Each structure stands twice: as C-alpha cells, then as structure tokens.
Amino acid sequence: MPSRPAAGHFLARTTLTPDAPLEGYPFDLPVVRWLRERGGLNLYPGVTFLVGENGSGKSTLIEALAVALGLNPEGGSKNFRFATRASESGLGAHLRVARRPGRERTSFFLRAESYYNVATEVERLDEEPGGPPIKAAYGGSGHERSHGESFLALLNHRFGPRGLYLLDEPEAALSVTGALAVLGRMADLTARGSQFVVATHSPILLALPGATILEIGDDGDVRRTTYDDAAPVVLTRGFLADPDAFLRHL
C-alpha cells in the first residue's frame, strides 16, 4: 500500500527586500518591523497560523504573501485579475518568498472580507463566451448560499491535495459547526500534501493537530506558541469560565 504524502511544505521563509521603506504604512506595522529586525519569518510544513491583536499586521502579511506569489489581492488564484477596489498595501512588492523543492498543484487566496467579489467574478467569467464553466468547481454560485456556506463549498470543491492556500480570517463567516467543518477539511488536505498559511482569531481552528502557531505580541515580537498558551485560546477560556468578570471590567 503506498504511503500517504507528508504535509505540504512549498514555502519555507519570507523576507523583506533591502530597499523596503523604513516607515509609513505598512512598514511600521509590528510584524513588518519584526521581519526587518529578525531577517525573515519561517513558514512551516502543513499549517502555519498567525495570531495577534487587530493592527498587528497578520492580515496585511497574508495579503502581501498572496501578491508576492502572483495571486489576486482580493482573493482567488493566479488566473483572477479583477479589482473591485485596489486596497492592498505596498508590502507585497517588497516581500520575497523562499521556496522548497517541488511545486504545488494549485493555489488560492481566501480573503474573507472580499470573497463576495470573487463569487461575482466567477459568475461573470461563466457568462462570457468560450472556455468551460468554472462555477461547479466552486460548489455552485457563492451568491445563492450564505457567506459561511460559500466558504465551505470553496474548501470542499476548489481546494485539493498538494495545494498552497493562504487564508485571511476564514472564521469570519462561520458558525461553530462551520469552523469545525473547516478544521476537518484542513486536516484532510494537510494529510494529502497541502500547505496553509492562515491569519485567524479562532480558537477552534487553532486546535488543528500538528499546526504551528506564531503569535505576534503587543511588543511586535513573533514567537512560536502552543495551543494552550495562544492568546485567543486563553482569552476565550477565561471568558467562558467567568463571563461576569469580563463584563464588570468592560
């Protein structure tokens, strides 16, 4: 019986170019300052999670990775070239990605806040003459189901083995049940040779076995942490254990 493939590891490290600006957005974000000071950020086999407070720069870094890899900044694959409103930062032009031997079969950038635009582009492309329809590859129309259902359809239909996937806060549209379904799908795809880099606040997604969690601290330092010590997990557990204490403080 053939052995199962190891977790994917196509991207090994990301660094700033020497000519990257020293100040101004996004180069003054904590995670970008850390990249400059430490010479780069390692990306690990299987799933690398980035966690941190709002404004720490984790989503900006995921977006810049997508741009550096040639993926559409609003989401999608390398074949998507639409722009509803260009809002991406200039970081992608100053980011370099070190690859390991071997190439992914497919890649995709899921940006939760603009996936609606991706669904619209899929429908527009299917309305144009020529070429095979692509809507079925996304599980049908993203506009004919809830936001969360469209995310699940994307992962179940468009994502496949030996893929490279960048996800920016995929939990934004998910119920607890939906987050558990995404967790299971990520585990399955990782076991079939895929690599994920994910910015998230979700303690459910962070529970993925074998994942690496990188936490951006208040001081901008990026450190590898465990599930039990990750801030989203600690805070959620604390709130559930004694919500009144948090409410009194607020």
Protein backbone atom coordinates (compact mmCIF):
# COMPACT_ATOMS: atom_id res chain seq x y z
CA MET A 1 0.00 0.00 0.00
CA PRO A 2 1.50 3.39 -0.98
CA SER A 3 2.35 5.71 1.91
CA ARG A 4 0.38 8.92 2.42
CA PRO A 5 2.17 12.10 1.37
CA ALA A 6 3.73 14.27 4.04
CA ALA A 7 2.24 17.65 4.87
CA GLY A 8 2.99 20.15 2.14
CA HIS A 9 5.92 22.50 2.56
CA PHE A 10 6.28 24.63 -0.55
CA LEU A 11 7.06 27.95 1.15
CA ALA A 12 9.92 27.93 3.65
CA ARG A 13 10.53 31.56 4.57
CA THR A 14 9.57 35.12 3.73
CA THR A 15 11.84 38.17 3.97
CA LEU A 16 11.84 41.89 3.19
CA THR A 17 13.81 43.27 0.28
CA PRO A 18 16.74 45.53 1.22
CA ASP A 19 15.04 48.55 -0.37
CA ALA A 20 11.84 48.24 1.68
CA PRO A 21 10.85 51.61 3.24
CA LEU A 22 11.69 52.10 6.91
CA GLU A 23 8.50 53.91 7.88
CA GLY A 24 4.92 54.59 6.83
CA TYR A 25 2.12 52.07 6.40
CA PRO A 26 2.50 49.10 6.19
CA PHE A 27 6.20 49.15 7.01
CA ASP A 28 5.63 50.40 10.54
CA LEU A 29 3.30 47.52 11.44
CA PRO A 30 4.66 45.34 14.28
CA VAL A 31 5.05 42.19 12.20
CA VAL A 32 6.82 44.06 9.38
CA ARG A 33 9.23 45.68 11.81
CA TRP A 34 9.92 42.22 13.18
CA LEU A 35 10.61 40.90 9.67
CA ARG A 36 13.16 43.65 9.18
CA GLU A 37 14.86 43.22 12.54
CA ARG A 38 14.99 39.42 12.51
CA GLY A 39 15.72 38.92 8.84
CA GLY A 40 12.60 36.97 7.96
CA LEU A 41 9.84 34.65 9.09
CA ASN A 42 9.87 30.86 8.78
CA LEU A 43 6.82 29.07 7.36
CA TYR A 44 6.28 25.50 8.47
CA PRO A 45 5.03 22.23 6.94
CA GLY A 46 1.29 21.74 6.91
CA VAL A 47 -0.38 24.69 8.62
CA THR A 48 1.19 27.89 9.94
CA PHE A 49 -1.24 30.02 11.94
CA LEU A 50 -0.63 33.74 12.54
CA VAL A 51 -2.42 35.18 15.57
CA GLY A 52 -2.32 38.64 17.11
CA GLU A 53 -4.42 41.63 18.03
CA ASN A 54 -6.12 43.83 15.45
CA GLY A 55 -3.49 46.07 13.91
CA SER A 56 -0.61 43.66 14.47
CA GLY A 57 -0.25 43.17 10.70
CA LYS A 58 -1.10 39.47 10.32
CA SER A 59 -3.76 40.01 7.62
CA THR A 60 -1.55 42.51 5.81
CA LEU A 61 1.23 39.92 5.77
CA ILE A 62 -1.07 37.20 4.37
CA GLU A 63 -2.24 39.59 1.66
CA ALA A 64 1.36 40.54 0.82
CA LEU A 65 2.32 36.87 0.56
CA ALA A 66 -0.53 36.41 -1.90
CA VAL A 67 0.68 39.35 -4.00
CA ALA A 68 4.29 38.12 -3.90
CA LEU A 69 3.10 34.72 -5.17
CA GLY A 70 1.10 36.25 -8.02
CA LEU A 71 -2.34 35.60 -6.52
CA ASN A 72 -5.12 38.14 -6.87
CA PRO A 73 -5.09 40.62 -3.92
CA GLU A 74 -8.87 40.46 -3.47
CA GLY A 75 -8.78 36.68 -3.46
CA GLY A 76 -8.69 33.85 -5.93
CA SER A 77 -6.00 32.10 -7.92
CA LYS A 78 -3.32 33.34 -10.30
CA ASN A 79 -5.93 33.35 -13.07
CA PHE A 80 -8.05 36.01 -11.37
CA ARG A 81 -7.16 39.55 -12.38
CA PHE A 82 -10.19 41.59 -11.31
CA ALA A 83 -10.01 44.58 -8.96
CA THR A 84 -13.18 45.90 -7.34
CA ARG A 85 -11.26 48.43 -5.29
CA ALA A 86 -7.48 48.28 -5.06
CA SER A 87 -6.84 48.40 -1.32
CA GLU A 88 -3.81 46.17 -0.93
CA SER A 89 -0.73 47.61 0.74
CA GLY A 90 2.65 48.02 -0.95
CA LEU A 91 4.20 45.26 1.17
CA GLY A 92 3.85 42.55 -1.47
CA ALA A 93 6.26 44.33 -3.80
CA HIS A 94 8.89 44.23 -1.04
CA LEU A 95 8.37 40.66 0.08
CA ARG A 96 10.48 37.73 -1.07
CA VAL A 97 9.49 34.11 -0.59
CA ALA A 98 11.97 31.25 -0.34
CA ARG A 99 10.63 28.04 -1.83
CA ARG A 100 11.49 24.43 -1.13
CA PRO A 101 11.92 21.81 -3.87
CA GLY A 102 8.68 20.77 -5.54
CA ARG A 103 5.68 22.77 -6.69
CA GLU A 104 2.09 22.87 -5.58
CA ARG A 105 -0.61 21.64 -7.93
CA THR A 106 -2.87 24.58 -7.21
CA SER A 107 -3.01 27.71 -5.06
CA PHE A 108 -5.68 30.08 -3.74
CA PHE A 109 -6.02 33.16 -1.56
CA LEU A 110 -9.18 33.35 0.55
CA ARG A 111 -9.72 36.85 1.90
CA ALA A 112 -12.88 36.68 3.99
CA GLU A 113 -13.88 40.33 3.58
CA SER A 114 -13.79 40.25 -0.21
CA TYR A 115 -14.86 36.71 -1.10
CA TYR A 116 -18.19 38.17 -2.28
CA ASN A 117 -16.20 39.86 -5.07
CA VAL A 118 -14.58 36.55 -6.01
CA ALA A 119 -18.02 34.91 -6.28
CA THR A 120 -19.17 37.76 -8.52
CA GLU A 121 -16.11 37.32 -10.76
CA VAL A 122 -16.76 33.58 -11.07
CA GLU A 123 -20.29 34.29 -12.31
CA ARG A 124 -19.04 36.97 -14.71
CA LEU A 125 -16.46 34.60 -16.21
CA ASP A 126 -19.11 31.92 -16.73
CA GLU A 127 -21.29 34.41 -18.60
CA GLU A 128 -18.51 35.18 -21.11
CA PRO A 129 -18.35 33.12 -24.31
CA GLY A 130 -15.65 30.50 -24.68
CA GLY A 131 -13.98 28.30 -22.13
CA PRO A 132 -15.53 25.72 -19.84
CA PRO A 133 -17.78 26.86 -16.97
CA ILE A 134 -15.98 27.14 -13.64
CA LYS A 135 -18.87 27.69 -11.20
CA ALA A 136 -19.15 23.97 -10.47
CA ALA A 137 -15.52 23.94 -9.32
CA TYR A 138 -16.59 26.31 -6.52
CA GLY A 139 -19.58 24.24 -5.48
CA GLY A 140 -22.04 26.45 -7.34
CA SER A 141 -22.84 30.13 -7.05
CA GLY A 142 -21.48 31.86 -3.99
CA HIS A 143 -24.42 34.26 -4.14
CA GLU A 144 -27.03 31.52 -3.81
CA ARG A 145 -25.98 30.47 -0.33
CA SER A 146 -24.86 32.08 2.91
CA HIS A 147 -21.39 33.53 3.31
CA GLY A 148 -20.34 30.63 5.52
CA GLU A 149 -21.80 28.02 3.19
CA SER A 150 -19.88 29.53 0.27
CA PHE A 151 -16.63 29.26 2.27
CA LEU A 152 -17.30 25.58 2.99
CA ALA A 153 -18.16 24.93 -0.67
CA LEU A 154 -14.91 26.56 -1.71
CA LEU A 155 -12.80 24.36 0.57
CA ASN A 156 -14.68 21.20 -0.38
CA HIS A 157 -14.75 21.74 -4.14
CA ARG A 158 -11.98 24.12 -5.21
CA PHE A 159 -9.26 23.11 -2.72
CA GLY A 160 -7.45 19.83 -3.38
CA PRO A 161 -4.36 17.75 -2.50
CA ARG A 162 -0.87 19.27 -2.82
CA GLY A 163 -2.29 22.77 -2.79
CA LEU A 164 -0.95 26.01 -1.35
CA TYR A 165 -3.62 28.03 0.42
CA LEU A 166 -3.48 31.44 2.09
CA LEU A 167 -6.49 32.20 4.31
CA ASP A 168 -7.25 35.53 5.95
CA GLU A 169 -9.62 35.11 8.92
CA PRO A 170 -11.75 32.36 7.32
CA GLU A 171 -13.76 32.07 10.55
CA ALA A 172 -15.38 35.48 9.89
CA ALA A 173 -18.45 33.90 8.25
CA LEU A 174 -18.52 30.57 10.07
CA SER A 175 -20.71 29.17 12.81
CA VAL A 176 -19.07 26.91 15.38
CA THR A 177 -20.21 23.91 13.33
CA GLY A 178 -18.82 25.53 10.18
CA ALA A 179 -15.48 26.20 11.85
CA LEU A 180 -15.28 22.55 12.88
CA ALA A 181 -16.01 21.52 9.28
CA VAL A 182 -13.19 23.77 8.03
CA LEU A 183 -10.90 22.30 10.69
CA GLY A 184 -11.64 18.81 9.42
CA ARG A 185 -11.13 19.79 5.77
CA MET A 186 -7.81 21.46 6.54
CA ALA A 187 -6.65 18.36 8.41
CA ASP A 188 -7.61 16.19 5.42
CA LEU A 189 -5.86 18.41 2.87
CA THR A 190 -2.75 18.73 5.01
CA ALA A 191 -2.51 14.95 5.24
CA ARG A 192 -2.70 14.90 1.43
CA GLY A 193 0.29 17.16 0.91
CA SER A 194 -1.16 20.68 1.16
CA GLN A 195 0.28 23.73 2.94
CA PHE A 196 -1.75 26.50 4.59
CA VAL A 197 -0.76 29.91 5.96
CA VAL A 198 -3.69 31.29 7.96
CA ALA A 199 -4.37 34.52 9.86
CA THR A 200 -7.02 33.79 12.48
CA HIS A 201 -8.61 34.65 15.83
CA SER A 202 -10.41 31.31 16.07
CA PRO A 203 -9.58 29.01 18.99
CA ILE A 204 -11.39 26.26 17.09
CA LEU A 205 -9.16 26.46 14.01
CA LEU A 206 -6.05 26.78 16.18
CA ALA A 207 -6.78 23.31 17.59
CA LEU A 208 -5.72 21.69 14.31
CA PRO A 209 -3.34 18.83 15.25
CA GLY A 210 0.25 19.38 14.12
CA ALA A 211 -0.21 23.05 13.23
CA THR A 212 2.40 25.68 14.06
CA ILE A 213 1.08 28.78 15.85
CA LEU A 214 3.03 32.03 15.54
CA GLU A 215 1.81 34.80 17.83
CA ILE A 216 2.51 38.48 17.24
CA GLY A 217 2.84 40.03 20.70
CA ASP A 218 1.95 43.54 21.82
CA ASP A 219 5.63 44.42 21.54
CA GLY A 220 5.71 43.21 17.93
CA ASP A 221 7.77 40.14 18.75
CA VAL A 222 6.76 36.98 16.86
CA ARG A 223 7.09 33.79 18.84
CA ARG A 224 6.08 30.19 18.36
CA THR A 225 3.49 29.19 20.95
CA THR A 226 1.35 26.24 21.97
CA TYR A 227 -2.39 25.92 21.62
CA ASP A 228 -2.97 26.28 25.36
CA ASP A 229 -0.83 29.43 25.55
CA ALA A 230 -2.17 31.17 22.42
CA ALA A 231 -3.94 34.43 23.31
CA PRO A 232 -7.27 33.62 21.55
CA VAL A 233 -7.47 30.36 23.47
CA VAL A 234 -6.51 31.86 26.83
CA LEU A 235 -8.96 34.75 26.50
CA THR A 236 -11.84 32.61 25.24
CA ARG A 237 -11.39 30.09 28.03
CA GLY A 238 -11.22 32.87 30.60
CA PHE A 239 -14.39 34.48 29.30
CA LEU A 240 -16.34 31.22 29.21
CA ALA A 241 -15.20 30.34 32.72
CA ASP A 242 -16.36 33.66 34.21
CA PRO A 243 -18.13 35.99 31.75
CA ASP A 244 -19.36 38.25 34.56
CA ALA A 245 -15.79 39.15 35.49
CA PHE A 246 -15.10 40.32 31.92
CA LEU A 247 -18.37 42.22 31.73
CA ARG A 248 -17.67 44.01 35.01
CA HIS A 249 -14.26 45.03 33.73
CA LEU A 250 -15.71 46.33 30.47
